[in-house]
Amino acid sequence: MQLTSNGHVQRSAAQWREIIARYRQSGLGRKEFCEQEGLTFRTFEEWERRQRRAERSKGQFVAVAAPSVTPSPWAVEVEFPTGVRLRVRG
């Protein structure tokens, strides 16, 4: 945390990640958390939005075991949370 010449506090991205982690564990609302921590609500919102965007953009891989018997003509079928299906024939 660094104090700028106009008296504003400047935090690093790592510090904001820690703050947002504390917020998520706090059980408080955003405004209540900001008041308790002495944070500017709009700045907190922007950093929280950035972190959510970064978390969504990270590729997440899940290990999938191949079934011993394929019950359909598809060798692999993946259904995403959005409802989109990716099918590969065997």
PDB file of N, CA and C in Angstrom:
ATOM      1  N   MET A   1       0.859  -1.168   0.000  1.00  0.00           N
ATOM      2  CA  MET A   1       0.000   0.000   0.000  1.00  0.00           C
ATOM      3  C   MET A   1       0.902   1.227   0.000  1.00  0.00           C
ATOM      4  N   GLN A   2       0.539   2.175  -0.861  1.00  0.00           N
ATOM      5  CA  GLN A   2       1.352   3.369  -1.008  1.00  0.00           C
ATOM      6  C   GLN A   2       0.440   4.596  -0.972  1.00  0.00           C
ATOM      7  N   LEU A   3       0.883   5.624  -0.334  1.00  0.00           N
ATOM      8  CA  LEU A   3       0.124   6.866  -0.256  1.00  0.00           C
ATOM      9  C   LEU A   3       0.597   7.791  -1.371  1.00  0.00           C
ATOM     10  N   THR A   4      -0.346   8.276  -2.187  1.00  0.00           N
ATOM     11  CA  THR A   4       0.022   9.183  -3.283  1.00  0.00           C
ATOM     12  C   THR A   4       0.119  10.613  -2.746  1.00  0.00           C
ATOM     13  N   SER A   5       0.594  11.525  -3.586  1.00  0.00           N
ATOM     14  CA  SER A   5       0.783  12.911  -3.161  1.00  0.00           C
ATOM     15  C   SER A   5      -0.531  13.603  -2.788  1.00  0.00           C
ATOM     16  N   ASN A   6      -1.644  13.138  -3.347  1.00  0.00           N
ATOM     17  CA  ASN A   6      -2.933  13.752  -3.018  1.00  0.00           C
ATOM     18  C   ASN A   6      -3.641  13.045  -1.856  1.00  0.00           C
ATOM     19  N   GLY A   7      -2.934  12.125  -1.203  1.00  0.00           N
ATOM     20  CA  GLY A   7      -3.475  11.470  -0.020  1.00  0.00           C
ATOM     21  C   GLY A   7      -4.260  10.198  -0.276  1.00  0.00           C
ATOM     22  N   HIS A   8      -4.364   9.779  -1.531  1.00  0.00           N
ATOM     23  CA  HIS A   8      -5.076   8.544  -1.845  1.00  0.00           C
ATOM     24  C   HIS A   8      -4.168   7.341  -1.616  1.00  0.00           C
ATOM     25  N   VAL A   9      -4.786   6.230  -1.245  1.00  0.00           N
ATOM     26  CA  VAL A   9      -4.040   4.991  -1.042  1.00  0.00           C
ATOM     27  C   VAL A   9      -3.988   4.237  -2.359  1.00  0.00           C
ATOM     28  N   GLN A  10      -2.793   3.784  -2.734  1.00  0.00           N
ATOM     29  CA  GLN A  10      -2.627   3.006  -3.951  1.00  0.00           C
ATOM     30  C   GLN A  10      -2.202   1.595  -3.556  1.00  0.00           C
ATOM     31  N   ARG A  11      -2.960   0.601  -4.025  1.00  0.00           N
ATOM     32  CA  ARG A  11      -2.683  -0.793  -3.691  1.00  0.00           C
ATOM     33  C   ARG A  11      -2.283  -1.561  -4.947  1.00  0.00           C
ATOM     34  N   SER A  12      -1.504  -2.606  -4.758  1.00  0.00           N
ATOM     35  CA  SER A  12      -1.087  -3.446  -5.881  1.00  0.00           C
ATOM     36  C   SER A  12      -2.200  -4.444  -6.199  1.00  0.00           C
ATOM     37  N   ALA A  13      -2.087  -5.086  -7.345  1.00  0.00           N
ATOM     38  CA  ALA A  13      -3.059  -6.109  -7.732  1.00  0.00           C
ATOM     39  C   ALA A  13      -3.065  -7.252  -6.720  1.00  0.00           C
ATOM     40  N   ALA A  14      -1.898  -7.619  -6.213  1.00  0.00           N
ATOM     41  CA  ALA A  14      -1.810  -8.691  -5.208  1.00  0.00           C
ATOM     42  C   ALA A  14      -2.550  -8.293  -3.926  1.00  0.00           C
ATOM     43  N   GLN A  15      -2.430  -7.040  -3.525  1.00  0.00           N
ATOM     44  CA  GLN A  15      -3.145  -6.575  -2.331  1.00  0.00           C
ATOM     45  C   GLN A  15      -4.653  -6.612  -2.552  1.00  0.00           C
ATOM     46  N   TRP A  16      -5.101  -6.245  -3.756  1.00  0.00           N
ATOM     47  CA  TRP A  16      -6.533  -6.301  -4.049  1.00  0.00           C
ATOM     48  C   TRP A  16      -7.040  -7.738  -4.061  1.00  0.00           C
ATOM     49  N   ARG A  17      -6.237  -8.677  -4.551  1.00  0.00           N
ATOM     50  CA  ARG A  17      -6.655 -10.091  -4.513  1.00  0.00           C
ATOM     51  C   ARG A  17      -6.862 -10.540  -3.074  1.00  0.00           C
ATOM     52  N   GLU A  18      -5.959 -10.129  -2.180  1.00  0.00           N
ATOM     53  CA  GLU A  18      -6.092 -10.471  -0.757  1.00  0.00           C
ATOM     54  C   GLU A  18      -7.337  -9.825  -0.152  1.00  0.00           C
ATOM     55  N   ILE A  19      -7.584  -8.580  -0.496  1.00  0.00           N
ATOM     56  CA  ILE A  19      -8.762  -7.865   0.022  1.00  0.00           C
ATOM     57  C   ILE A  19     -10.036  -8.565  -0.439  1.00  0.00           C
ATOM     58  N   ILE A  20     -10.085  -8.931  -1.711  1.00  0.00           N
ATOM     59  CA  ILE A  20     -11.281  -9.580  -2.248  1.00  0.00           C
ATOM     60  C   ILE A  20     -11.466 -10.966  -1.638  1.00  0.00           C
ATOM     61  N   ALA A  21     -10.383 -11.673  -1.374  1.00  0.00           N
ATOM     62  CA  ALA A  21     -10.479 -12.966  -0.691  1.00  0.00           C
ATOM     63  C   ALA A  21     -11.062 -12.777   0.710  1.00  0.00           C
ATOM     64  N   ARG A  22     -10.620 -11.735   1.415  1.00  0.00           N
ATOM     65  CA  ARG A  22     -11.173 -11.448   2.754  1.00  0.00           C
ATOM     66  C   ARG A  22     -12.655 -11.116   2.664  1.00  0.00           C
ATOM     67  N   TYR A  23     -13.021 -10.337   1.652  1.00  0.00           N
ATOM     68  CA  TYR A  23     -14.431  -9.984   1.462  1.00  0.00           C
ATOM     69  C   TYR A  23     -15.269 -11.242   1.256  1.00  0.00           C
ATOM     70  N   ARG A  24     -14.802 -12.157   0.409  1.00  0.00           N
ATOM     71  CA  ARG A  24     -15.558 -13.379   0.113  1.00  0.00           C
ATOM     72  C   ARG A  24     -15.731 -14.253   1.350  1.00  0.00           C
ATOM     73  N   GLN A  25     -14.776 -14.206   2.255  1.00  0.00           N
ATOM     74  CA  GLN A  25     -14.863 -15.000   3.483  1.00  0.00           C
ATOM     75  C   GLN A  25     -15.627 -14.279   4.585  1.00  0.00           C
ATOM     76  N   SER A  26     -15.855 -12.986   4.423  1.00  0.00           N
ATOM     77  CA  SER A  26     -16.434 -12.178   5.498  1.00  0.00           C
ATOM     78  C   SER A  26     -17.929 -12.405   5.707  1.00  0.00           C
ATOM     79  N   GLY A  27     -18.639 -12.749   4.646  1.00  0.00           N
ATOM     80  CA  GLY A  27     -20.086 -12.886   4.757  1.00  0.00           C
ATOM     81  C   GLY A  27     -20.806 -11.543   4.758  1.00  0.00           C
ATOM     82  N   LEU A  28     -20.075 -10.458   4.572  1.00  0.00           N
ATOM     83  CA  LEU A  28     -20.666  -9.112   4.559  1.00  0.00           C
ATOM     84  C   LEU A  28     -21.063  -8.723   3.146  1.00  0.00           C
ATOM     85  N   GLY A  29     -21.943  -7.734   3.044  1.00  0.00           N
ATOM     86  CA  GLY A  29     -22.251  -7.136   1.764  1.00  0.00           C
ATOM     87  C   GLY A  29     -21.083  -6.275   1.321  1.00  0.00           C
ATOM     88  N   ARG A  30     -21.044  -5.920   0.042  1.00  0.00           N
ATOM     89  CA  ARG A  30     -19.921  -5.132  -0.480  1.00  0.00           C
ATOM     90  C   ARG A  30     -19.786  -3.779   0.211  1.00  0.00           C
ATOM     91  N   LYS A  31     -20.901  -3.062   0.323  1.00  0.00           N
ATOM     92  CA  LYS A  31     -20.825  -1.727   0.939  1.00  0.00           C
ATOM     93  C   LYS A  31     -20.404  -1.826   2.403  1.00  0.00           C
ATOM     94  N   GLU A  32     -20.975  -2.785   3.105  1.00  0.00           N
ATOM     95  CA  GLU A  32     -20.645  -2.974   4.518  1.00  0.00           C
ATOM     96  C   GLU A  32     -19.162  -3.312   4.685  1.00  0.00           C
ATOM     97  N   PHE A  33     -18.650  -4.206   3.815  1.00  0.00           N
ATOM     98  CA  PHE A  33     -17.241  -4.592   3.875  1.00  0.00           C
ATOM     99  C   PHE A  33     -16.350  -3.381   3.606  1.00  0.00           C
ATOM    100  N   CYS A  34     -16.702  -2.589   2.583  1.00  0.00           N
ATOM    101  CA  CYS A  34     -15.897  -1.408   2.234  1.00  0.00           C
ATOM    102  C   CYS A  34     -15.861  -0.407   3.381  1.00  0.00           C
ATOM    103  N   GLU A  35     -16.995  -0.187   4.029  1.00  0.00           N
ATOM    104  CA  GLU A  35     -17.036   0.729   5.174  1.00  0.00           C
ATOM    105  C   GLU A  35     -16.149   0.221   6.296  1.00  0.00           C
ATOM    106  N   GLN A  36     -16.242  -1.076   6.561  1.00  0.00           N
ATOM    107  CA  GLN A  36     -15.456  -1.679   7.644  1.00  0.00           C
ATOM    108  C   GLN A  36     -13.956  -1.596   7.360  1.00  0.00           C
ATOM    109  N   GLU A  37     -13.578  -1.761   6.077  1.00  0.00           N
ATOM    110  CA  GLU A  37     -12.163  -1.776   5.694  1.00  0.00           C
ATOM    111  C   GLU A  37     -11.630  -0.398   5.301  1.00  0.00           C
ATOM    112  N   GLY A  38     -12.507   0.591   5.216  1.00  0.00           N
ATOM    113  CA  GLY A  38     -12.080   1.931   4.803  1.00  0.00           C
ATOM    114  C   GLY A  38     -11.741   2.008   3.328  1.00  0.00           C
ATOM    115  N   LEU A  39     -12.492   1.270   2.500  1.00  0.00           N
ATOM    116  CA  LEU A  39     -12.237   1.228   1.065  1.00  0.00           C
ATOM    117  C   LEU A  39     -13.252   2.068   0.314  1.00  0.00           C
ATOM    118  N   THR A  40     -12.835   2.612  -0.813  1.00  0.00           N
ATOM    119  CA  THR A  40     -13.755   3.320  -1.694  1.00  0.00           C
ATOM    120  C   THR A  40     -14.564   2.267  -2.438  1.00  0.00           C
ATOM    121  N   PHE A  41     -15.893   2.366  -2.342  1.00  0.00           N
ATOM    122  CA  PHE A  41     -16.777   1.348  -2.912  1.00  0.00           C
ATOM    123  C   PHE A  41     -16.561   1.161  -4.408  1.00  0.00           C
ATOM    124  N   ARG A  42     -16.487   2.245  -5.166  1.00  0.00           N
ATOM    125  CA  ARG A  42     -16.336   2.141  -6.629  1.00  0.00           C
ATOM    126  C   ARG A  42     -15.016   1.481  -7.019  1.00  0.00           C
ATOM    127  N   THR A  43     -13.959   1.785  -6.290  1.00  0.00           N
ATOM    128  CA  THR A  43     -12.661   1.167  -6.577  1.00  0.00           C
ATOM    129  C   THR A  43     -12.718  -0.319  -6.262  1.00  0.00           C
ATOM    130  N   PHE A  44     -13.338  -0.663  -5.128  1.00  0.00           N
ATOM    131  CA  PHE A  44     -13.492  -2.065  -4.760  1.00  0.00           C
ATOM    132  C   PHE A  44     -14.273  -2.816  -5.843  1.00  0.00           C
ATOM    133  N   GLU A  45     -15.383  -2.227  -6.302  1.00  0.00           N
ATOM    134  CA  GLU A  45     -16.203  -2.858  -7.341  1.00  0.00           C
ATOM    135  C   GLU A  45     -15.392  -3.126  -8.608  1.00  0.00           C
ATOM    136  N   GLU A  46     -14.593  -2.162  -9.005  1.00  0.00           N
ATOM    137  CA  GLU A  46     -13.791  -2.325 -10.223  1.00  0.00           C
ATOM    138  C   GLU A  46     -12.784  -3.461 -10.070  1.00  0.00           C
ATOM    139  N   TRP A  47     -12.109  -3.527  -8.937  1.00  0.00           N
ATOM    140  CA  TRP A  47     -11.136  -4.596  -8.721  1.00  0.00           C
ATOM    141  C   TRP A  47     -11.813  -5.961  -8.592  1.00  0.00           C
ATOM    142  N   GLU A  48     -12.975  -5.996  -7.982  1.00  0.00           N
ATOM    143  CA  GLU A  48     -13.708  -7.264  -7.872  1.00  0.00           C
ATOM    144  C   GLU A  48     -14.130  -7.740  -9.270  1.00  0.00           C
ATOM    145  N   ARG A  49     -14.592  -6.818 -10.094  1.00  0.00           N
ATOM    146  CA  ARG A  49     -14.988  -7.143 -11.475  1.00  0.00           C
ATOM    147  C   ARG A  49     -13.782  -7.666 -12.256  1.00  0.00           C
ATOM    148  N   ARG A  50     -12.638  -7.025 -12.111  1.00  0.00           N
ATOM    149  CA  ARG A  50     -11.416  -7.477 -12.790  1.00  0.00           C
ATOM    150  C   ARG A  50     -11.056  -8.899 -12.370  1.00  0.00           C
ATOM    151  N   GLN A  51     -11.164  -9.158 -11.071  1.00  0.00           N
ATOM    152  CA  GLN A  51     -10.785 -10.485 -10.582  1.00  0.00           C
ATOM    153  C   GLN A  51     -11.748 -11.555 -11.100  1.00  0.00           C
ATOM    154  N   ARG A  52     -13.050 -11.265 -11.088  1.00  0.00           N
ATOM    155  CA  ARG A  52     -14.022 -12.234 -11.614  1.00  0.00           C
ATOM    156  C   ARG A  52     -13.742 -12.528 -13.086  1.00  0.00           C
ATOM    157  N   ARG A  53     -13.449 -11.474 -13.852  1.00  0.00           N
ATOM    158  CA  ARG A  53     -13.142 -11.636 -15.281  1.00  0.00           C
ATOM    159  C   ARG A  53     -11.899 -12.509 -15.458  1.00  0.00           C
ATOM    160  N   ALA A  54     -10.881 -12.269 -14.654  1.00  0.00           N
ATOM    161  CA  ALA A  54      -9.635 -13.049 -14.744  1.00  0.00           C
ATOM    162  C   ALA A  54      -9.886 -14.509 -14.378  1.00  0.00           C
ATOM    163  N   GLU A  55     -10.728 -14.730 -13.372  1.00  0.00           N
ATOM    164  CA  GLU A  55     -11.029 -16.104 -12.958  1.00  0.00           C
ATOM    165  C   GLU A  55     -11.801 -16.849 -14.043  1.00  0.00           C
ATOM    166  N   ARG A  56     -12.704 -16.148 -14.722  1.00  0.00           N
ATOM    167  CA  ARG A  56     -13.485 -16.786 -15.789  1.00  0.00           C
ATOM    168  C   ARG A  56     -12.621 -17.092 -16.998  1.00  0.00           C
ATOM    169  N   SER A  57     -11.630 -16.273 -17.260  1.00  0.00           N
ATOM    170  CA  SER A  57     -10.823 -16.454 -18.460  1.00  0.00           C
ATOM    171  C   SER A  57      -9.758 -17.531 -18.300  1.00  0.00           C
ATOM    172  N   LYS A  58      -9.494 -17.943 -17.080  1.00  0.00           N
ATOM    173  CA  LYS A  58      -8.502 -18.999 -16.862  1.00  0.00           C
ATOM    174  C   LYS A  58      -9.094 -20.320 -17.333  1.00  0.00           C
ATOM    175  N   GLY A  59      -8.325 -21.043 -18.113  1.00  0.00           N
ATOM    176  CA  GLY A  59      -8.774 -22.361 -18.563  1.00  0.00           C
ATOM    177  C   GLY A  59      -8.752 -23.340 -17.404  1.00  0.00           C
ATOM    178  N   GLN A  60      -9.827 -24.047 -17.255  1.00  0.00           N
ATOM    179  CA  GLN A  60      -9.891 -25.043 -16.198  1.00  0.00           C
ATOM    180  C   GLN A  60     -10.080 -26.409 -16.835  1.00  0.00           C
ATOM    181  N   PHE A  61      -9.168 -27.316 -16.563  1.00  0.00           N
ATOM    182  CA  PHE A  61      -9.235 -28.654 -17.124  1.00  0.00           C
ATOM    183  C   PHE A  61      -9.699 -29.626 -16.062  1.00  0.00           C
ATOM    184  N   VAL A  62     -10.477 -30.579 -16.492  1.00  0.00           N
ATOM    185  CA  VAL A  62     -11.000 -31.600 -15.588  1.00  0.00           C
ATOM    186  C   VAL A  62     -10.619 -32.954 -16.159  1.00  0.00           C
ATOM    187  N   ALA A  63     -10.065 -33.815 -15.326  1.00  0.00           N
ATOM    188  CA  ALA A  63      -9.719 -35.160 -15.765  1.00  0.00           C
ATOM    189  C   ALA A  63     -10.998 -35.968 -15.940  1.00  0.00           C
ATOM    190  N   VAL A  64     -11.094 -36.660 -17.068  1.00  0.00           N
ATOM    191  CA  VAL A  64     -12.282 -37.475 -17.354  1.00  0.00           C
ATOM    192  C   VAL A  64     -11.822 -38.883 -17.661  1.00  0.00           C
ATOM    193  N   ALA A  65     -12.371 -39.850 -16.929  1.00  0.00           N
ATOM    194  CA  ALA A  65     -12.036 -41.248 -17.174  1.00  0.00           C
ATOM    195  C   ALA A  65     -12.898 -41.764 -18.317  1.00  0.00           C
ATOM    196  N   ALA A  66     -12.305 -42.514 -19.222  1.00  0.00           N
ATOM    197  CA  ALA A  66     -13.050 -43.076 -20.349  1.00  0.00           C
ATOM    198  C   ALA A  66     -13.922 -44.219 -19.853  1.00  0.00           C
ATOM    199  N   PRO A  67     -15.171 -44.282 -20.304  1.00  0.00           N
ATOM    200  CA  PRO A  67     -16.046 -45.385 -19.880  1.00  0.00           C
ATOM    201  C   PRO A  67     -15.570 -46.685 -20.507  1.00  0.00           C
ATOM    202  N   SER A  68     -15.824 -47.797 -19.832  1.00  0.00           N
ATOM    203  CA  SER A  68     -15.389 -49.097 -20.356  1.00  0.00           C
ATOM    204  C   SER A  68     -16.254 -49.515 -21.542  1.00  0.00           C
ATOM    205  N   VAL A  69     -17.519 -49.095 -21.559  1.00  0.00           N
ATOM    206  CA  VAL A  69     -18.426 -49.400 -22.663  1.00  0.00           C
ATOM    207  C   VAL A  69     -19.047 -48.087 -23.128  1.00  0.00           C
ATOM    208  N   THR A  70     -18.994 -47.855 -24.433  1.00  0.00           N
ATOM    209  CA  THR A  70     -19.577 -46.632 -24.972  1.00  0.00           C
ATOM    210  C   THR A  70     -21.043 -46.894 -25.310  1.00  0.00           C
ATOM    211  N   PRO A  71     -21.982 -46.222 -24.613  1.00  0.00           N
ATOM    212  CA  PRO A  71     -23.396 -46.481 -24.829  1.00  0.00           C
ATOM    213  C   PRO A  71     -23.996 -45.757 -26.039  1.00  0.00           C
ATOM    214  N   SER A  72     -23.200 -44.985 -26.779  1.00  0.00           N
ATOM    215  CA  SER A  72     -23.723 -44.246 -27.923  1.00  0.00           C
ATOM    216  C   SER A  72     -22.701 -44.278 -29.053  1.00  0.00           C
ATOM    217  N   PRO A  73     -23.094 -43.774 -30.226  1.00  0.00           N
ATOM    218  CA  PRO A  73     -22.133 -43.759 -31.333  1.00  0.00           C
ATOM    219  C   PRO A  73     -21.026 -42.731 -31.162  1.00  0.00           C
ATOM    220  N   TRP A  74     -21.099 -41.948 -30.113  1.00  0.00           N
ATOM    221  CA  TRP A  74     -20.089 -40.920 -29.884  1.00  0.00           C
ATOM    222  C   TRP A  74     -18.961 -41.491 -29.043  1.00  0.00           C
ATOM    223  N   ALA A  75     -17.723 -41.212 -29.427  1.00  0.00           N
ATOM    224  CA  ALA A  75     -16.570 -41.640 -28.637  1.00  0.00           C
ATOM    225  C   ALA A  75     -16.409 -40.730 -27.431  1.00  0.00           C
ATOM    226  N   VAL A  76     -16.662 -39.437 -27.651  1.00  0.00           N
ATOM    227  CA  VAL A  76     -16.543 -38.459 -26.570  1.00  0.00           C
ATOM    228  C   VAL A  76     -17.666 -37.448 -26.734  1.00  0.00           C
ATOM    229  N   GLU A  77     -18.309 -37.121 -25.620  1.00  0.00           N
ATOM    230  CA  GLU A  77     -19.326 -36.068 -25.630  1.00  0.00           C
ATOM    231  C   GLU A  77     -19.112 -35.216 -24.397  1.00  0.00           C
ATOM    232  N   VAL A  78     -18.949 -33.914 -24.605  1.00  0.00           N
ATOM    233  CA  VAL A  78     -18.744 -32.977 -23.498  1.00  0.00           C
ATOM    234  C   VAL A  78     -19.890 -31.975 -23.550  1.00  0.00           C
ATOM    235  N   GLU A  79     -20.574 -31.813 -22.408  1.00  0.00           N
ATOM    236  CA  GLU A  79     -21.635 -30.815 -22.326  1.00  0.00           C
ATOM    237  C   GLU A  79     -21.183 -29.718 -21.378  1.00  0.00           C
ATOM    238  N   PHE A  80     -21.161 -28.487 -21.874  1.00  0.00           N
ATOM    239  CA  PHE A  80     -20.727 -27.336 -21.100  1.00  0.00           C
ATOM    240  C   PHE A  80     -21.892 -26.769 -20.296  1.00  0.00           C
ATOM    241  N   PRO A  81     -21.614 -26.012 -19.230  1.00  0.00           N
ATOM    242  CA  PRO A  81     -22.684 -25.430 -18.411  1.00  0.00           C
ATOM    243  C   PRO A  81     -23.659 -24.574 -19.215  1.00  0.00           C
ATOM    244  N   THR A  82     -23.214 -24.062 -20.350  1.00  0.00           N
ATOM    245  CA  THR A  82     -24.083 -23.230 -21.185  1.00  0.00           C
ATOM    246  C   THR A  82     -25.065 -24.061 -21.999  1.00  0.00           C
ATOM    247  N   GLY A  83     -24.901 -25.403 -21.968  1.00  0.00           N
ATOM    248  CA  GLY A  83     -25.776 -26.280 -22.730  1.00  0.00           C
ATOM    249  C   GLY A  83     -25.180 -26.703 -24.073  1.00  0.00           C
ATOM    250  N   VAL A  84     -24.043 -26.134 -24.451  1.00  0.00           N
ATOM    251  CA  VAL A  84     -23.392 -26.479 -25.701  1.00  0.00           C
ATOM    252  C   VAL A  84     -22.770 -27.867 -25.552  1.00  0.00           C
ATOM    253  N   ARG A  85     -22.954 -28.699 -26.581  1.00  0.00           N
ATOM    254  CA  ARG A  85     -22.372 -30.047 -26.570  1.00  0.00           C
ATOM    255  C   ARG A  85     -21.312 -30.170 -27.651  1.00  0.00           C
ATOM    256  N   LEU A  86     -20.219 -30.813 -27.298  1.00  0.00           N
ATOM    257  CA  LEU A  86     -19.136 -31.098 -28.242  1.00  0.00           C
ATOM    258  C   LEU A  86     -19.079 -32.606 -28.357  1.00  0.00           C
ATOM    259  N   ARG A  87     -19.300 -33.120 -29.579  1.00  0.00           N
ATOM    260  CA  ARG A  87     -19.313 -34.564 -29.788  1.00  0.00           C
ATOM    261  C   ARG A  87     -18.235 -34.955 -30.793  1.00  0.00           C
ATOM    262  N   VAL A  88     -17.527 -36.056 -30.494  1.00  0.00           N
ATOM    263  CA  VAL A  88     -16.493 -36.578 -31.374  1.00  0.00           C
ATOM    264  C   VAL A  88     -16.815 -38.043 -31.627  1.00  0.00           C
ATOM    265  N   ARG A  89     -16.903 -38.411 -32.887  1.00  0.00           N
ATOM    266  CA  ARG A  89     -17.199 -39.809 -33.238  1.00  0.00           C
ATOM    267  C   ARG A  89     -15.954 -40.669 -33.051  1.00  0.00           C
ATOM    268  N   GLY A  90     -16.182 -41.909 -32.695  1.00  0.00           N
ATOM    269  CA  GLY A  90     -15.090 -42.856 -32.461  1.00  0.00           C
ATOM    270  C   GLY A  90     -14.653 -43.571 -33.681  1.00  0.00           C
TER     271      GLY A  90
END
